[in-house]
């Protein structure tokens, strides 16, 4: 793998991680604030707590699984053969 390919892959992984963060923040806001007026309680806690905290955690697990299977790629980060920085 050339240095350019490694750079592109690293940028792809960083972009995927950034998008996963945006998705998590949007979900947390929608689940937390969107359900704040719902009067349902589970174990004495409002539904929005379970949705925002537990739902975000489950969504994060799913996003990490997606990133590690579809976006991230195992690659050697060492120097390329025949390349000398001296």
PDB file of N, CA and C in Angstrom:
ATOM      1  N   UNK A   1       0.848  -1.167   0.000  1.00  0.00           N
ATOM      2  CA  UNK A   1       0.000   0.000   0.000  1.00  0.00           C
ATOM      3  C   UNK A   1       0.904   1.244   0.000  1.00  0.00           C
ATOM      4  N   UNK A   2       0.655   2.155  -0.915  1.00  0.00           N
ATOM      5  CA  UNK A   2       1.474   3.362  -1.005  1.00  0.00           C
ATOM      6  C   UNK A   2       1.093   4.357   0.089  1.00  0.00           C
ATOM      7  N   UNK A   3       1.952   5.355   0.251  1.00  0.00           N
ATOM      8  CA  UNK A   3       1.690   6.381   1.261  1.00  0.00           C
ATOM      9  C   UNK A   3       0.399   7.140   0.945  1.00  0.00           C
ATOM     10  N   UNK A   4       0.154   7.391  -0.322  1.00  0.00           N
ATOM     11  CA  UNK A   4      -1.085   8.076  -0.722  1.00  0.00           C
ATOM     12  C   UNK A   4      -2.320   7.257  -0.398  1.00  0.00           C
ATOM     13  N   UNK A   5      -2.261   5.951  -0.644  1.00  0.00           N
ATOM     14  CA  UNK A   5      -3.387   5.078  -0.313  1.00  0.00           C
ATOM     15  C   UNK A   5      -3.621   5.031   1.188  1.00  0.00           C
ATOM     16  N   UNK A   6      -2.529   4.989   1.952  1.00  0.00           N
ATOM     17  CA  UNK A   6      -2.654   4.996   3.417  1.00  0.00           C
ATOM     18  C   UNK A   6      -3.289   6.293   3.895  1.00  0.00           C
ATOM     19  N   UNK A   7      -2.877   7.398   3.306  1.00  0.00           N
ATOM     20  CA  UNK A   7      -3.418   8.697   3.674  1.00  0.00           C
ATOM     21  C   UNK A   7      -4.921   8.762   3.361  1.00  0.00           C
ATOM     22  N   UNK A   8      -5.310   8.305   2.185  1.00  0.00           N
ATOM     23  CA  UNK A   8      -6.732   8.303   1.814  1.00  0.00           C
ATOM     24  C   UNK A   8      -7.552   7.411   2.747  1.00  0.00           C
ATOM     25  N   UNK A   9      -7.005   6.248   3.093  1.00  0.00           N
ATOM     26  CA  UNK A   9      -7.710   5.339   4.000  1.00  0.00           C
ATOM     27  C   UNK A   9      -7.843   5.957   5.393  1.00  0.00           C
ATOM     28  N   UNK A  10      -6.785   6.604   5.858  1.00  0.00           N
ATOM     29  CA  UNK A  10      -6.823   7.252   7.167  1.00  0.00           C
ATOM     30  C   UNK A  10      -7.865   8.371   7.175  1.00  0.00           C
ATOM     31  N   UNK A  11      -7.922   9.153   6.106  1.00  0.00           N
ATOM     32  CA  UNK A  11      -8.942  10.212   6.013  1.00  0.00           C
ATOM     33  C   UNK A  11     -10.346   9.623   5.952  1.00  0.00           C
ATOM     34  N   UNK A  12     -10.510   8.512   5.266  1.00  0.00           N
ATOM     35  CA  UNK A  12     -11.814   7.845   5.189  1.00  0.00           C
ATOM     36  C   UNK A  12     -12.260   7.376   6.576  1.00  0.00           C
ATOM     37  N   UNK A  13     -11.338   6.805   7.332  1.00  0.00           N
ATOM     38  CA  UNK A  13     -11.654   6.343   8.676  1.00  0.00           C
ATOM     39  C   UNK A  13     -11.993   7.519   9.600  1.00  0.00           C
ATOM     40  N   UNK A  14     -11.243   8.605   9.481  1.00  0.00           N
ATOM     41  CA  UNK A  14     -11.521   9.789  10.303  1.00  0.00           C
ATOM     42  C   UNK A  14     -12.876  10.392   9.950  1.00  0.00           C
ATOM     43  N   UNK A  15     -13.193  10.464   8.669  1.00  0.00           N
ATOM     44  CA  UNK A  15     -14.486  10.997   8.251  1.00  0.00           C
ATOM     45  C   UNK A  15     -15.631  10.106   8.737  1.00  0.00           C
ATOM     46  N   UNK A  16     -15.460   8.805   8.643  1.00  0.00           N
ATOM     47  CA  UNK A  16     -16.483   7.880   9.135  1.00  0.00           C
ATOM     48  C   UNK A  16     -16.713   8.025  10.626  1.00  0.00           C
ATOM     49  N   UNK A  17     -15.635   8.197  11.372  1.00  0.00           N
ATOM     50  CA  UNK A  17     -15.745   8.386  12.817  1.00  0.00           C
ATOM     51  C   UNK A  17     -16.439   9.712  13.128  1.00  0.00           C
ATOM     52  N   UNK A  18     -16.121  10.750  12.372  1.00  0.00           N
ATOM     53  CA  UNK A  18     -16.778  12.043  12.558  1.00  0.00           C
ATOM     54  C   UNK A  18     -18.276  11.966  12.280  1.00  0.00           C
ATOM     55  N   UNK A  19     -18.644  11.293  11.211  1.00  0.00           N
ATOM     56  CA  UNK A  19     -20.074  11.137  10.900  1.00  0.00           C
ATOM     57  C   UNK A  19     -20.783  10.317  11.966  1.00  0.00           C
ATOM     58  N   UNK A  20     -20.129   9.305  12.491  1.00  0.00           N
ATOM     59  CA  UNK A  20     -20.735   8.510  13.561  1.00  0.00           C
ATOM     60  C   UNK A  20     -20.991   9.386  14.787  1.00  0.00           C
ATOM     61  N   UNK A  21     -20.063  10.282  15.098  1.00  0.00           N
ATOM     62  CA  UNK A  21     -20.245  11.198  16.217  1.00  0.00           C
ATOM     63  C   UNK A  21     -21.431  12.127  15.982  1.00  0.00           C
ATOM     64  N   UNK A  22     -21.543  12.661  14.776  1.00  0.00           N
ATOM     65  CA  UNK A  22     -22.679  13.539  14.456  1.00  0.00           C
ATOM     66  C   UNK A  22     -23.997  12.788  14.595  1.00  0.00           C
ATOM     67  N   UNK A  23     -24.053  11.565  14.095  1.00  0.00           N
ATOM     68  CA  UNK A  23     -25.268  10.749  14.213  1.00  0.00           C
ATOM     69  C   UNK A  23     -25.615  10.518  15.676  1.00  0.00           C
ATOM     70  N   UNK A  24     -24.626  10.213  16.501  1.00  0.00           N
ATOM     71  CA  UNK A  24     -24.873  10.000  17.929  1.00  0.00           C
ATOM     72  C   UNK A  24     -25.393  11.252  18.622  1.00  0.00           C
ATOM     73  N   UNK A  25     -24.820  12.397  18.318  1.00  0.00           N
ATOM     74  CA  UNK A  25     -25.266  13.647  18.940  1.00  0.00           C
ATOM     75  C   UNK A  25     -26.692  13.977  18.535  1.00  0.00           C
ATOM     76  N   UNK A  26     -27.004  13.831  17.257  1.00  0.00           N
ATOM     77  CA  UNK A  26     -28.371  14.100  16.785  1.00  0.00           C
ATOM     78  C   UNK A  26     -29.354  13.135  17.438  1.00  0.00           C
ATOM     79  N   UNK A  27     -29.008  11.865  17.495  1.00  0.00           N
ATOM     80  CA  UNK A  27     -29.893  10.889  18.132  1.00  0.00           C
ATOM     81  C   UNK A  27     -30.103  11.226  19.597  1.00  0.00           C
ATOM     82  N   UNK A  28     -29.030  11.565  20.298  1.00  0.00           N
ATOM     83  CA  UNK A  28     -29.130  11.891  21.722  1.00  0.00           C
ATOM     84  C   UNK A  28     -30.056  13.081  21.943  1.00  0.00           C
ATOM     85  N   UNK A  29     -29.902  14.103  21.111  1.00  0.00           N
ATOM     86  CA  UNK A  29     -30.771  15.282  21.234  1.00  0.00           C
ATOM     87  C   UNK A  29     -32.223  14.941  20.942  1.00  0.00           C
ATOM     88  N   UNK A  30     -32.468  14.205  19.871  1.00  0.00           N
ATOM     89  CA  UNK A  30     -33.844  13.841  19.518  1.00  0.00           C
ATOM     90  C   UNK A  30     -34.475  12.940  20.565  1.00  0.00           C
ATOM     91  N   UNK A  31     -33.718  11.966  21.047  1.00  0.00           N
ATOM     92  CA  UNK A  31     -34.262  11.041  22.044  1.00  0.00           C
ATOM     93  C   UNK A  31     -34.468  11.733  23.384  1.00  0.00           C
ATOM     94  N   UNK A  32     -33.523  12.547  23.787  1.00  0.00           N
ATOM     95  CA  UNK A  32     -33.618  13.220  25.080  1.00  0.00           C
ATOM     96  C   UNK A  32     -34.649  14.327  25.101  1.00  0.00           C
ATOM     97  N   UNK A  33     -34.492  15.288  24.208  1.00  0.00           N
ATOM     98  CA  UNK A  33     -35.401  16.429  24.183  1.00  0.00           C
ATOM     99  C   UNK A  33     -36.740  16.081  23.541  1.00  0.00           C
ATOM    100  N   UNK A  34     -36.718  15.197  22.556  1.00  0.00           N
ATOM    101  CA  UNK A  34     -37.958  14.824  21.881  1.00  0.00           C
ATOM    102  C   UNK A  34     -38.914  14.047  22.764  1.00  0.00           C
ATOM    103  N   UNK A  35     -38.396  13.290  23.706  1.00  0.00           N
ATOM    104  CA  UNK A  35     -39.251  12.494  24.592  1.00  0.00           C
ATOM    105  C   UNK A  35     -39.413  13.121  25.972  1.00  0.00           C
ATOM    106  N   UNK A  36     -38.977  14.352  26.134  1.00  0.00           N
ATOM    107  CA  UNK A  36     -39.003  14.964  27.471  1.00  0.00           C
ATOM    108  C   UNK A  36     -40.416  15.193  27.994  1.00  0.00           C
ATOM    109  N   UNK A  37     -41.393  15.312  27.130  1.00  0.00           N
ATOM    110  CA  UNK A  37     -42.768  15.554  27.571  1.00  0.00           C
ATOM    111  C   UNK A  37     -43.575  14.267  27.756  1.00  0.00           C
ATOM    112  N   UNK A  38     -43.001  13.142  27.391  1.00  0.00           N
ATOM    113  CA  UNK A  38     -43.687  11.862  27.552  1.00  0.00           C
ATOM    114  C   UNK A  38     -43.675  11.482  29.030  1.00  0.00           C
ATOM    115  N   UNK A  39     -44.813  11.090  29.545  1.00  0.00           N
ATOM    116  CA  UNK A  39     -44.949  10.813  30.985  1.00  0.00           C
ATOM    117  C   UNK A  39     -44.671   9.347  31.361  1.00  0.00           C
ATOM    118  N   UNK A  40     -44.125   8.572  30.473  1.00  0.00           N
ATOM    119  CA  UNK A  40     -43.834   7.162  30.745  1.00  0.00           C
ATOM    120  C   UNK A  40     -42.593   7.074  31.636  1.00  0.00           C
ATOM    121  N   UNK A  41     -42.652   6.211  32.651  1.00  0.00           N
ATOM    122  CA  UNK A  41     -41.513   6.000  33.555  1.00  0.00           C
ATOM    123  C   UNK A  41     -41.186   4.512  33.606  1.00  0.00           C
ATOM    124  N   UNK A  42     -39.909   4.215  33.606  1.00  0.00           N
ATOM    125  CA  UNK A  42     -39.422   2.841  33.733  1.00  0.00           C
ATOM    126  C   UNK A  42     -38.442   2.835  34.897  1.00  0.00           C
ATOM    127  N   UNK A  43     -38.730   2.045  35.917  1.00  0.00           N
ATOM    128  CA  UNK A  43     -37.910   1.988  37.124  1.00  0.00           C
ATOM    129  C   UNK A  43     -37.708   3.387  37.724  1.00  0.00           C
ATOM    130  N   UNK A  44     -38.775   4.150  37.765  1.00  0.00           N
ATOM    131  CA  UNK A  44     -38.810   5.493  38.342  1.00  0.00           C
ATOM    132  C   UNK A  44     -38.010   6.532  37.560  1.00  0.00           C
ATOM    133  N   UNK A  45     -37.564   6.196  36.364  1.00  0.00           N
ATOM    134  CA  UNK A  45     -36.847   7.145  35.517  1.00  0.00           C
ATOM    135  C   UNK A  45     -37.698   7.446  34.282  1.00  0.00           C
ATOM    136  N   UNK A  46     -37.704   8.696  33.832  1.00  0.00           N
ATOM    137  CA  UNK A  46     -38.480   9.040  32.640  1.00  0.00           C
ATOM    138  C   UNK A  46     -37.959   8.308  31.397  1.00  0.00           C
ATOM    139  N   UNK A  47     -38.847   8.138  30.443  1.00  0.00           N
ATOM    140  CA  UNK A  47     -38.499   7.430  29.213  1.00  0.00           C
ATOM    141  C   UNK A  47     -37.332   8.099  28.487  1.00  0.00           C
ATOM    142  N   UNK A  48     -37.255   9.436  28.531  1.00  0.00           N
ATOM    143  CA  UNK A  48     -36.193  10.119  27.810  1.00  0.00           C
ATOM    144  C   UNK A  48     -34.811   9.726  28.326  1.00  0.00           C
ATOM    145  N   UNK A  49     -34.689   9.386  29.608  1.00  0.00           N
ATOM    146  CA  UNK A  49     -33.390   8.961  30.146  1.00  0.00           C
ATOM    147  C   UNK A  49     -32.974   7.644  29.497  1.00  0.00           C
ATOM    148  N   UNK A  50     -33.905   6.706  29.457  1.00  0.00           N
ATOM    149  CA  UNK A  50     -33.605   5.405  28.866  1.00  0.00           C
ATOM    150  C   UNK A  50     -33.306   5.525  27.375  1.00  0.00           C
ATOM    151  N   UNK A  51     -34.080   6.349  26.682  1.00  0.00           N
ATOM    152  CA  UNK A  51     -33.886   6.502  25.237  1.00  0.00           C
ATOM    153  C   UNK A  51     -32.575   7.219  24.928  1.00  0.00           C
ATOM    154  N   UNK A  52     -32.315   8.318  25.643  1.00  0.00           N
ATOM    155  CA  UNK A  52     -31.123   9.111  25.334  1.00  0.00           C
ATOM    156  C   UNK A  52     -29.841   8.409  25.760  1.00  0.00           C
ATOM    157  N   UNK A  53     -29.833   7.857  26.958  1.00  0.00           N
ATOM    158  CA  UNK A  53     -28.602   7.231  27.457  1.00  0.00           C
ATOM    159  C   UNK A  53     -28.454   5.806  26.919  1.00  0.00           C
ATOM    160  N   UNK A  54     -29.442   4.970  27.170  1.00  0.00           N
ATOM    161  CA  UNK A  54     -29.365   3.576  26.716  1.00  0.00           C
ATOM    162  C   UNK A  54     -29.406   3.451  25.210  1.00  0.00           C
ATOM    163  N   UNK A  55     -30.278   4.239  24.578  1.00  0.00           N
ATOM    164  CA  UNK A  55     -30.377   4.195  23.120  1.00  0.00           C
ATOM    165  C   UNK A  55     -29.111   4.671  22.447  1.00  0.00           C
ATOM    166  N   UNK A  56     -28.511   5.731  22.994  1.00  0.00           N
ATOM    167  CA  UNK A  56     -27.251   6.236  22.435  1.00  0.00           C
ATOM    168  C   UNK A  56     -26.141   5.201  22.565  1.00  0.00           C
ATOM    169  N   UNK A  57     -26.125   4.522  23.693  1.00  0.00           N
ATOM    170  CA  UNK A  57     -25.112   3.489  23.910  1.00  0.00           C
ATOM    171  C   UNK A  57     -25.278   2.356  22.890  1.00  0.00           C
ATOM    172  N   UNK A  58     -26.513   1.901  22.707  1.00  0.00           N
ATOM    173  CA  UNK A  58     -26.759   0.826  21.735  1.00  0.00           C
ATOM    174  C   UNK A  58     -26.454   1.282  20.311  1.00  0.00           C
ATOM    175  N   UNK A  59     -26.825   2.517  19.989  1.00  0.00           N
ATOM    176  CA  UNK A  59     -26.511   3.050  18.662  1.00  0.00           C
ATOM    177  C   UNK A  59     -24.996   3.142  18.463  1.00  0.00           C
ATOM    178  N   UNK A  60     -24.272   3.564  19.491  1.00  0.00           N
ATOM    179  CA  UNK A  60     -22.816   3.648  19.397  1.00  0.00           C
ATOM    180  C   UNK A  60     -22.206   2.269  19.129  1.00  0.00           C
ATOM    181  N   UNK A  61     -22.724   1.245  19.796  1.00  0.00           N
ATOM    182  CA  UNK A  61     -22.225  -0.108  19.535  1.00  0.00           C
ATOM    183  C   UNK A  61     -22.456  -0.504  18.075  1.00  0.00           C
ATOM    184  N   UNK A  62     -23.625  -0.205  17.559  1.00  0.00           N
ATOM    185  CA  UNK A  62     -23.926  -0.509  16.163  1.00  0.00           C
ATOM    186  C   UNK A  62     -23.046   0.264  15.198  1.00  0.00           C
ATOM    187  N   UNK A  63     -22.819   1.537  15.491  1.00  0.00           N
ATOM    188  CA  UNK A  63     -21.962   2.342  14.618  1.00  0.00           C
ATOM    189  C   UNK A  63     -20.513   1.858  14.645  1.00  0.00           C
ATOM    190  N   UNK A  64     -20.030   1.472  15.802  1.00  0.00           N
ATOM    191  CA  UNK A  64     -18.666   0.945  15.895  1.00  0.00           C
ATOM    192  C   UNK A  64     -18.554  -0.359  15.111  1.00  0.00           C
ATOM    193  N   UNK A  65     -19.551  -1.205  15.218  1.00  0.00           N
ATOM    194  CA  UNK A  65     -19.549  -2.459  14.452  1.00  0.00           C
ATOM    195  C   UNK A  65     -19.521  -2.163  12.952  1.00  0.00           C
ATOM    196  N   UNK A  66     -20.331  -1.196  12.524  1.00  0.00           N
ATOM    197  CA  UNK A  66     -20.344  -0.820  11.111  1.00  0.00           C
ATOM    198  C   UNK A  66     -18.977  -0.283  10.677  1.00  0.00           C
ATOM    199  N   UNK A  67     -18.420   0.626  11.468  1.00  0.00           N
ATOM    200  CA  UNK A  67     -17.130   1.214  11.109  1.00  0.00           C
ATOM    201  C   UNK A  67     -16.033   0.163  11.028  1.00  0.00           C
ATOM    202  N   UNK A  68     -16.001  -0.750  11.985  1.00  0.00           N
ATOM    203  CA  UNK A  68     -14.913  -1.736  12.001  1.00  0.00           C
ATOM    204  C   UNK A  68     -15.056  -2.791  10.914  1.00  0.00           C
ATOM    205  N   UNK A  69     -16.272  -3.033  10.446  1.00  0.00           N
ATOM    206  CA  UNK A  69     -16.441  -4.046   9.403  1.00  0.00           C
ATOM    207  C   UNK A  69     -16.476  -3.460   7.996  1.00  0.00           C
ATOM    208  N   UNK A  70     -16.917  -2.206   7.840  1.00  0.00           N
ATOM    209  CA  UNK A  70     -17.099  -1.637   6.510  1.00  0.00           C
ATOM    210  C   UNK A  70     -16.153  -0.492   6.157  1.00  0.00           C
ATOM    211  N   UNK A  71     -15.656   0.232   7.145  1.00  0.00           N
ATOM    212  CA  UNK A  71     -14.865   1.430   6.856  1.00  0.00           C
ATOM    213  C   UNK A  71     -13.395   1.224   7.207  1.00  0.00           C
ATOM    214  N   UNK A  72     -13.111   0.763   8.411  1.00  0.00           N
ATOM    215  CA  UNK A  72     -11.726   0.602   8.845  1.00  0.00           C
ATOM    216  C   UNK A  72     -11.072  -0.552   8.089  1.00  0.00           C
ATOM    217  N   UNK A  73      -9.774  -0.413   7.902  1.00  0.00           N
ATOM    218  CA  UNK A  73      -9.022  -1.429   7.169  1.00  0.00           C
ATOM    219  C   UNK A  73      -7.702  -1.655   7.882  1.00  0.00           C
ATOM    220  N   UNK A  74      -7.332  -2.896   8.051  1.00  0.00           N
ATOM    221  CA  UNK A  74      -6.063  -3.223   8.697  1.00  0.00           C
ATOM    222  C   UNK A  74      -4.936  -2.958   7.708  1.00  0.00           C
ATOM    223  N   UNK A  75      -3.992  -2.109   8.128  1.00  0.00           N
ATOM    224  CA  UNK A  75      -2.865  -1.807   7.236  1.00  0.00           C
ATOM    225  C   UNK A  75      -1.619  -1.560   8.067  1.00  0.00           C
ATOM    226  N   UNK A  76      -0.494  -1.813   7.457  1.00  0.00           N
ATOM    227  CA  UNK A  76       0.789  -1.595   8.106  1.00  0.00           C
ATOM    228  C   UNK A  76       1.111  -0.107   8.059  1.00  0.00           C
ATOM    229  N   UNK A  77       1.360   0.495   9.199  1.00  0.00           N
ATOM    230  CA  UNK A  77       1.666   1.917   9.251  1.00  0.00           C
ATOM    231  C   UNK A  77       3.161   2.184   9.241  1.00  0.00           C
ATOM    232  N   UNK A  78       3.956   1.128   9.081  1.00  0.00           N
ATOM    233  CA  UNK A  78       5.413   1.285   9.024  1.00  0.00           C
ATOM    234  C   UNK A  78       5.843   1.882   7.697  1.00  0.00           C
ATOM    235  N   UNK A  79       7.124   2.058   7.567  1.00  0.00           N
ATOM    236  CA  UNK A  79       7.677   2.617   6.346  1.00  0.00           C
ATOM    237  C   UNK A  79       7.537   1.624   5.198  1.00  0.00           C
ATOM    238  N   UNK A  80       7.437   2.176   3.996  1.00  0.00           N
ATOM    239  CA  UNK A  80       7.354   1.332   2.807  1.00  0.00           C
ATOM    240  C   UNK A  80       8.732   0.737   2.504  1.00  0.00           C
ATOM    241  N   UNK A  81       8.740  -0.417   1.897  1.00  0.00           N
ATOM    242  CA  UNK A  81      10.009  -1.056   1.531  1.00  0.00           C
ATOM    243  C   UNK A  81      10.735  -0.200   0.491  1.00  0.00           C
ATOM    244  N   UNK A  82      12.032   0.013   0.703  1.00  0.00           N
ATOM    245  CA  UNK A  82      12.827   0.762  -0.249  1.00  0.00           C
ATOM    246  C   UNK A  82      12.751   2.267  -0.063  1.00  0.00           C
ATOM    247  N   UNK A  83      12.022   2.735   0.931  1.00  0.00           N
ATOM    248  CA  UNK A  83      11.902   4.170   1.178  1.00  0.00           C
ATOM    249  C   UNK A  83      12.854   4.573   2.290  1.00  0.00           C
ATOM    250  N   UNK A  84      13.699   5.560   2.008  1.00  0.00           N
ATOM    251  CA  UNK A  84      14.707   6.000   2.978  1.00  0.00           C
ATOM    252  C   UNK A  84      14.575   7.493   3.185  1.00  0.00           C
ATOM    253  N   UNK A  85      14.393   7.936   4.444  1.00  0.00           N
ATOM    254  CA  UNK A  85      14.206   9.354   4.752  1.00  0.00           C
ATOM    255  C   UNK A  85      15.520  10.096   5.007  1.00  0.00           C
ATOM    256  N   UNK A  86      16.660   9.462   4.832  1.00  0.00           N
ATOM    257  CA  UNK A  86      17.944  10.123   5.121  1.00  0.00           C
ATOM    258  C   UNK A  86      18.373  11.036   4.044  1.00  0.00           C
TER     259      UNK A  86
END
